[in-house]
Amino acid sequence: MRETRVGREKEHFWVIGLNAGNEISYIELVSLGSISAAIIKPLEVFNLAARKKSPKIVLVHNHPSGGLEPSLEDKVITNRLVEGGKILEIEVLDHLIITEESYFSFAENDLLSSN
């Protein structure tokens, strides 16, 4: 809500890094996209987590359209990041899609690959 209306009309993708006690270590904007997509690179997602030695992350992105249903692309990148996290020993706890009214949780809807 801190962003201007214009800024909220673009997709944003954040990573929230957590320590071993599930306390937030950082929140980082890793991609600012267009009104319908943000380009997500695994290197950018895991970069700060690796440098800060955060063993867990939560992925968050918005849907400016207001829809909460994950797209096929959302599901594909989530599975890719979960698999990449396994290699790096950084657990992806959840991927949240947020709107100004609500959210969708991949974990709550059993859409994360099993760890």
N, C-alpha and C. Protein backbone atom coordinates (compact mmCIF):
# COMPACT_ATOMS: atom_id res chain seq x y z
N MET A 1 0.82 -1.19 0.00
CA MET A 1 0.00 0.00 0.00
C MET A 1 0.87 1.26 0.00
N ARG A 2 2.16 1.11 0.26
CA ARG A 2 3.04 2.28 0.31
C ARG A 2 3.32 2.83 -1.08
N GLU A 3 3.13 2.03 -2.09
CA GLU A 3 3.46 2.46 -3.44
C GLU A 3 2.36 3.32 -4.03
N THR A 4 2.74 4.12 -4.99
CA THR A 4 1.74 4.91 -5.69
C THR A 4 0.84 3.97 -6.48
N ARG A 5 -0.29 4.45 -6.88
CA ARG A 5 -1.22 3.64 -7.66
C ARG A 5 -0.55 3.12 -8.92
N VAL A 6 0.26 3.93 -9.57
CA VAL A 6 0.94 3.51 -10.79
C VAL A 6 1.89 2.35 -10.49
N GLY A 7 2.64 2.44 -9.41
CA GLY A 7 3.57 1.37 -9.04
C GLY A 7 2.86 0.06 -8.73
N ARG A 8 1.67 0.13 -8.18
CA ARG A 8 0.92 -1.07 -7.83
C ARG A 8 0.30 -1.74 -9.04
N GLU A 9 0.36 -1.11 -10.19
CA GLU A 9 -0.19 -1.70 -11.40
C GLU A 9 0.81 -2.62 -12.10
N LYS A 10 1.98 -2.80 -11.52
CA LYS A 10 3.00 -3.69 -12.07
C LYS A 10 3.19 -4.88 -11.14
N GLU A 11 3.60 -6.01 -11.73
CA GLU A 11 3.92 -7.16 -10.90
C GLU A 11 5.24 -6.94 -10.20
N HIS A 12 5.26 -7.26 -8.91
CA HIS A 12 6.46 -7.21 -8.09
C HIS A 12 6.72 -8.63 -7.59
N PHE A 13 7.98 -8.98 -7.42
CA PHE A 13 8.33 -10.29 -6.86
C PHE A 13 9.34 -10.05 -5.75
N TRP A 14 8.97 -10.44 -4.52
CA TRP A 14 9.83 -10.27 -3.35
C TRP A 14 10.27 -11.62 -2.81
N VAL A 15 11.38 -11.60 -2.11
CA VAL A 15 11.84 -12.75 -1.35
C VAL A 15 11.98 -12.30 0.10
N ILE A 16 11.41 -13.08 0.99
CA ILE A 16 11.55 -12.83 2.43
C ILE A 16 12.48 -13.92 2.97
N GLY A 17 13.62 -13.50 3.50
CA GLY A 17 14.58 -14.43 4.08
C GLY A 17 14.32 -14.61 5.56
N LEU A 18 14.39 -15.86 6.00
CA LEU A 18 14.16 -16.18 7.41
C LEU A 18 15.36 -16.87 8.00
N ASN A 19 15.58 -16.64 9.30
CA ASN A 19 16.65 -17.36 9.99
C ASN A 19 16.11 -18.70 10.48
N ALA A 20 16.93 -19.45 11.18
CA ALA A 20 16.53 -20.79 11.66
C ALA A 20 15.33 -20.74 12.60
N GLY A 21 15.13 -19.62 13.28
CA GLY A 21 14.00 -19.46 14.20
C GLY A 21 12.77 -18.86 13.52
N ASN A 22 12.77 -18.83 12.18
CA ASN A 22 11.67 -18.28 11.39
C ASN A 22 11.43 -16.79 11.61
N GLU A 23 12.48 -16.08 12.01
CA GLU A 23 12.40 -14.62 12.13
C GLU A 23 12.88 -14.02 10.81
N ILE A 24 12.24 -12.93 10.40
CA ILE A 24 12.60 -12.29 9.13
C ILE A 24 13.99 -11.68 9.21
N SER A 25 14.84 -12.07 8.27
CA SER A 25 16.19 -11.50 8.15
C SER A 25 16.21 -10.34 7.16
N TYR A 26 15.40 -10.46 6.10
CA TYR A 26 15.36 -9.42 5.08
C TYR A 26 14.11 -9.60 4.22
N ILE A 27 13.75 -8.51 3.55
CA ILE A 27 12.73 -8.54 2.51
C ILE A 27 13.36 -7.83 1.32
N GLU A 28 13.42 -8.53 0.19
CA GLU A 28 14.10 -7.97 -0.98
C GLU A 28 13.20 -8.03 -2.21
N LEU A 29 13.07 -6.91 -2.91
CA LEU A 29 12.38 -6.88 -4.20
C LEU A 29 13.38 -7.40 -5.23
N VAL A 30 13.06 -8.51 -5.87
CA VAL A 30 14.00 -9.09 -6.84
C VAL A 30 13.58 -8.86 -8.28
N SER A 31 12.31 -8.47 -8.50
CA SER A 31 11.88 -8.18 -9.86
C SER A 31 10.70 -7.22 -9.84
N LEU A 32 10.76 -6.25 -10.72
CA LEU A 32 9.65 -5.34 -10.96
C LEU A 32 9.30 -5.50 -12.43
N GLY A 33 8.11 -6.03 -12.68
CA GLY A 33 7.75 -6.37 -14.04
C GLY A 33 6.76 -5.42 -14.67
N SER A 34 5.93 -5.99 -15.52
CA SER A 34 4.90 -5.24 -16.23
C SER A 34 3.56 -5.47 -15.54
N ILE A 35 2.49 -5.11 -16.19
CA ILE A 35 1.17 -5.29 -15.58
C ILE A 35 0.77 -6.76 -15.51
N SER A 36 1.46 -7.63 -16.25
CA SER A 36 1.04 -9.03 -16.26
C SER A 36 2.15 -10.03 -15.99
N ALA A 37 3.38 -9.58 -15.81
CA ALA A 37 4.46 -10.55 -15.59
C ALA A 37 5.68 -9.87 -14.97
N ALA A 38 6.43 -10.69 -14.25
CA ALA A 38 7.73 -10.27 -13.72
C ALA A 38 8.72 -11.38 -14.07
N ILE A 39 9.89 -11.02 -14.53
CA ILE A 39 10.90 -12.02 -14.89
C ILE A 39 11.64 -12.43 -13.63
N ILE A 40 11.64 -13.72 -13.36
CA ILE A 40 12.24 -14.25 -12.14
C ILE A 40 13.45 -15.10 -12.51
N LYS A 41 14.60 -14.75 -11.98
CA LYS A 41 15.83 -15.51 -12.20
C LYS A 41 16.23 -16.16 -10.88
N PRO A 42 16.41 -17.49 -10.86
CA PRO A 42 16.79 -18.16 -9.61
C PRO A 42 18.02 -17.55 -8.94
N LEU A 43 19.00 -17.11 -9.71
CA LEU A 43 20.20 -16.51 -9.13
C LEU A 43 19.83 -15.30 -8.28
N GLU A 44 18.91 -14.47 -8.77
CA GLU A 44 18.50 -13.29 -8.01
C GLU A 44 17.68 -13.66 -6.78
N VAL A 45 16.87 -14.71 -6.90
CA VAL A 45 16.04 -15.15 -5.77
C VAL A 45 16.91 -15.65 -4.62
N PHE A 46 17.93 -16.43 -4.93
CA PHE A 46 18.74 -17.06 -3.88
C PHE A 46 20.00 -16.28 -3.51
N ASN A 47 20.33 -15.23 -4.24
CA ASN A 47 21.56 -14.49 -4.00
C ASN A 47 21.69 -13.99 -2.56
N LEU A 48 20.73 -13.22 -2.09
CA LEU A 48 20.84 -12.66 -0.75
C LEU A 48 20.69 -13.74 0.32
N ALA A 49 19.84 -14.73 0.06
CA ALA A 49 19.68 -15.82 1.02
C ALA A 49 21.01 -16.54 1.24
N ALA A 50 21.73 -16.78 0.17
CA ALA A 50 23.03 -17.44 0.28
C ALA A 50 24.04 -16.55 1.00
N ARG A 51 24.07 -15.26 0.65
CA ARG A 51 25.03 -14.35 1.29
C ARG A 51 24.74 -14.15 2.77
N LYS A 52 23.46 -14.12 3.13
CA LYS A 52 23.08 -13.93 4.54
C LYS A 52 22.93 -15.24 5.29
N LYS A 53 23.15 -16.34 4.56
CA LYS A 53 23.03 -17.68 5.15
C LYS A 53 21.64 -17.91 5.75
N SER A 54 20.62 -17.47 5.02
CA SER A 54 19.23 -17.68 5.43
C SER A 54 18.81 -19.08 4.99
N PRO A 55 18.45 -19.95 5.93
CA PRO A 55 18.10 -21.32 5.57
C PRO A 55 16.69 -21.49 5.00
N LYS A 56 15.88 -20.43 5.06
CA LYS A 56 14.49 -20.51 4.60
C LYS A 56 14.10 -19.21 3.92
N ILE A 57 13.23 -19.34 2.91
CA ILE A 57 12.70 -18.16 2.25
C ILE A 57 11.21 -18.34 1.99
N VAL A 58 10.53 -17.21 1.82
CA VAL A 58 9.15 -17.17 1.37
C VAL A 58 9.13 -16.30 0.13
N LEU A 59 8.49 -16.77 -0.92
CA LEU A 59 8.35 -16.03 -2.17
C LEU A 59 7.02 -15.29 -2.14
N VAL A 60 7.00 -14.08 -2.64
CA VAL A 60 5.76 -13.28 -2.66
C VAL A 60 5.71 -12.50 -3.96
N HIS A 61 4.57 -12.57 -4.63
CA HIS A 61 4.36 -11.66 -5.76
C HIS A 61 2.91 -11.23 -5.81
N ASN A 62 2.71 -10.09 -6.45
CA ASN A 62 1.36 -9.56 -6.53
C ASN A 62 0.75 -9.83 -7.90
N HIS A 63 -0.56 -9.83 -7.93
CA HIS A 63 -1.32 -9.88 -9.18
C HIS A 63 -2.10 -8.57 -9.27
N PRO A 64 -1.61 -7.61 -10.04
CA PRO A 64 -2.29 -6.31 -10.14
C PRO A 64 -3.73 -6.42 -10.62
N SER A 65 -4.04 -7.50 -11.36
CA SER A 65 -5.40 -7.68 -11.86
C SER A 65 -6.40 -7.95 -10.75
N GLY A 66 -5.89 -8.39 -9.59
CA GLY A 66 -6.76 -8.72 -8.47
C GLY A 66 -7.10 -10.19 -8.39
N GLY A 67 -6.79 -10.96 -9.43
CA GLY A 67 -7.05 -12.40 -9.42
C GLY A 67 -6.03 -13.13 -8.57
N LEU A 68 -6.50 -14.14 -7.86
CA LEU A 68 -5.59 -14.89 -6.97
C LEU A 68 -5.15 -16.24 -7.53
N GLU A 69 -5.80 -16.70 -8.56
CA GLU A 69 -5.47 -18.03 -9.10
C GLU A 69 -4.07 -18.01 -9.70
N PRO A 70 -3.20 -18.96 -9.29
CA PRO A 70 -1.85 -19.00 -9.86
C PRO A 70 -1.89 -19.42 -11.33
N SER A 71 -1.08 -18.77 -12.14
CA SER A 71 -0.98 -19.14 -13.55
C SER A 71 -0.09 -20.37 -13.68
N LEU A 72 -0.08 -20.94 -14.87
CA LEU A 72 0.83 -22.06 -15.13
C LEU A 72 2.27 -21.60 -14.91
N GLU A 73 2.60 -20.38 -15.35
CA GLU A 73 3.95 -19.85 -15.16
C GLU A 73 4.29 -19.71 -13.68
N ASP A 74 3.32 -19.29 -12.86
CA ASP A 74 3.53 -19.20 -11.41
C ASP A 74 3.89 -20.56 -10.84
N LYS A 75 3.17 -21.58 -11.28
CA LYS A 75 3.41 -22.95 -10.77
C LYS A 75 4.77 -23.47 -11.23
N VAL A 76 5.12 -23.21 -12.47
CA VAL A 76 6.40 -23.69 -13.02
C VAL A 76 7.57 -23.04 -12.29
N ILE A 77 7.54 -21.71 -12.14
CA ILE A 77 8.67 -21.04 -11.48
C ILE A 77 8.75 -21.44 -10.01
N THR A 78 7.62 -21.65 -9.37
CA THR A 78 7.63 -22.07 -7.97
C THR A 78 8.31 -23.42 -7.83
N ASN A 79 7.93 -24.38 -8.67
CA ASN A 79 8.54 -25.71 -8.60
C ASN A 79 10.04 -25.64 -8.91
N ARG A 80 10.40 -24.80 -9.85
CA ARG A 80 11.82 -24.62 -10.20
C ARG A 80 12.61 -24.06 -9.03
N LEU A 81 12.03 -23.08 -8.35
CA LEU A 81 12.71 -22.47 -7.21
C LEU A 81 12.78 -23.42 -6.02
N VAL A 82 11.74 -24.21 -5.81
CA VAL A 82 11.78 -25.21 -4.73
C VAL A 82 12.91 -26.20 -4.99
N GLU A 83 13.03 -26.66 -6.23
CA GLU A 83 14.10 -27.61 -6.58
C GLU A 83 15.48 -26.97 -6.44
N GLY A 84 15.61 -25.72 -6.87
CA GLY A 84 16.88 -25.01 -6.72
C GLY A 84 17.24 -24.82 -5.25
N GLY A 85 16.24 -24.53 -4.44
CA GLY A 85 16.47 -24.37 -3.01
C GLY A 85 16.98 -25.64 -2.36
N LYS A 86 16.48 -26.78 -2.84
CA LYS A 86 16.94 -28.07 -2.29
C LYS A 86 18.44 -28.23 -2.53
N ILE A 87 18.90 -27.87 -3.71
CA ILE A 87 20.33 -27.99 -4.03
C ILE A 87 21.16 -27.09 -3.11
N LEU A 88 20.64 -25.88 -2.86
CA LEU A 88 21.37 -24.92 -2.03
C LEU A 88 21.11 -25.09 -0.53
N GLU A 89 20.22 -26.02 -0.19
CA GLU A 89 19.81 -26.24 1.20
C GLU A 89 19.15 -24.99 1.78
N ILE A 90 18.33 -24.34 0.94
CA ILE A 90 17.51 -23.20 1.34
C ILE A 90 16.06 -23.61 1.09
N GLU A 91 15.32 -23.78 2.16
CA GLU A 91 13.94 -24.27 2.04
C GLU A 91 12.99 -23.15 1.61
N VAL A 92 12.21 -23.41 0.59
CA VAL A 92 11.15 -22.49 0.18
C VAL A 92 9.91 -22.90 0.96
N LEU A 93 9.55 -22.08 1.95
CA LEU A 93 8.42 -22.41 2.83
C LEU A 93 7.07 -22.17 2.18
N ASP A 94 6.98 -21.15 1.32
CA ASP A 94 5.70 -20.82 0.71
C ASP A 94 5.94 -19.86 -0.45
N HIS A 95 4.94 -19.77 -1.30
CA HIS A 95 4.88 -18.74 -2.34
C HIS A 95 3.50 -18.13 -2.21
N LEU A 96 3.47 -16.84 -1.92
CA LEU A 96 2.21 -16.13 -1.74
C LEU A 96 1.93 -15.25 -2.95
N ILE A 97 0.70 -15.29 -3.43
CA ILE A 97 0.21 -14.35 -4.42
C ILE A 97 -0.67 -13.39 -3.64
N ILE A 98 -0.38 -12.10 -3.77
CA ILE A 98 -1.15 -11.13 -2.99
C ILE A 98 -1.88 -10.15 -3.92
N THR A 99 -3.01 -9.67 -3.42
CA THR A 99 -3.73 -8.58 -4.05
C THR A 99 -4.02 -7.58 -2.94
N GLU A 100 -4.69 -6.50 -3.27
CA GLU A 100 -5.02 -5.53 -2.23
C GLU A 100 -6.09 -6.05 -1.29
N GLU A 101 -6.80 -7.11 -1.69
CA GLU A 101 -7.88 -7.63 -0.86
C GLU A 101 -7.56 -8.94 -0.15
N SER A 102 -6.69 -9.77 -0.73
CA SER A 102 -6.50 -11.11 -0.16
C SER A 102 -5.16 -11.70 -0.59
N TYR A 103 -5.00 -13.00 -0.37
CA TYR A 103 -3.78 -13.69 -0.77
C TYR A 103 -4.10 -15.14 -1.12
N PHE A 104 -3.16 -15.79 -1.82
CA PHE A 104 -3.22 -17.21 -2.14
C PHE A 104 -1.91 -17.80 -1.69
N SER A 105 -1.95 -18.89 -0.96
CA SER A 105 -0.75 -19.57 -0.46
C SER A 105 -0.56 -20.90 -1.17
N PHE A 106 0.60 -21.08 -1.81
CA PHE A 106 0.91 -22.36 -2.43
C PHE A 106 0.97 -23.46 -1.37
N ALA A 107 1.55 -23.17 -0.22
CA ALA A 107 1.67 -24.18 0.84
C ALA A 107 0.30 -24.60 1.36
N GLU A 108 -0.57 -23.64 1.64
CA GLU A 108 -1.91 -23.96 2.14
C GLU A 108 -2.74 -24.75 1.14
N ASN A 109 -2.42 -24.61 -0.14
CA ASN A 109 -3.15 -25.30 -1.20
C ASN A 109 -2.40 -26.50 -1.77
N ASP A 110 -1.38 -26.98 -1.02
CA ASP A 110 -0.60 -28.16 -1.39
C ASP A 110 -0.01 -28.08 -2.81
N LEU A 111 0.50 -26.91 -3.17
CA LEU A 111 1.09 -26.73 -4.48
C LEU A 111 2.61 -26.61 -4.45
N LEU A 112 3.23 -26.81 -3.29
CA LEU A 112 4.69 -26.83 -3.23
C LEU A 112 5.15 -28.26 -3.39
N SER A 113 6.24 -28.47 -4.14
CA SER A 113 6.81 -29.82 -4.24
C SER A 113 7.18 -30.28 -2.84
N SER A 114 7.08 -31.55 -2.60
CA SER A 114 7.44 -32.05 -1.26
C SER A 114 8.91 -31.85 -1.01
N ASN A 115 9.23 -31.40 0.21
CA ASN A 115 10.63 -31.14 0.59
C ASN A 115 11.28 -32.38 1.13
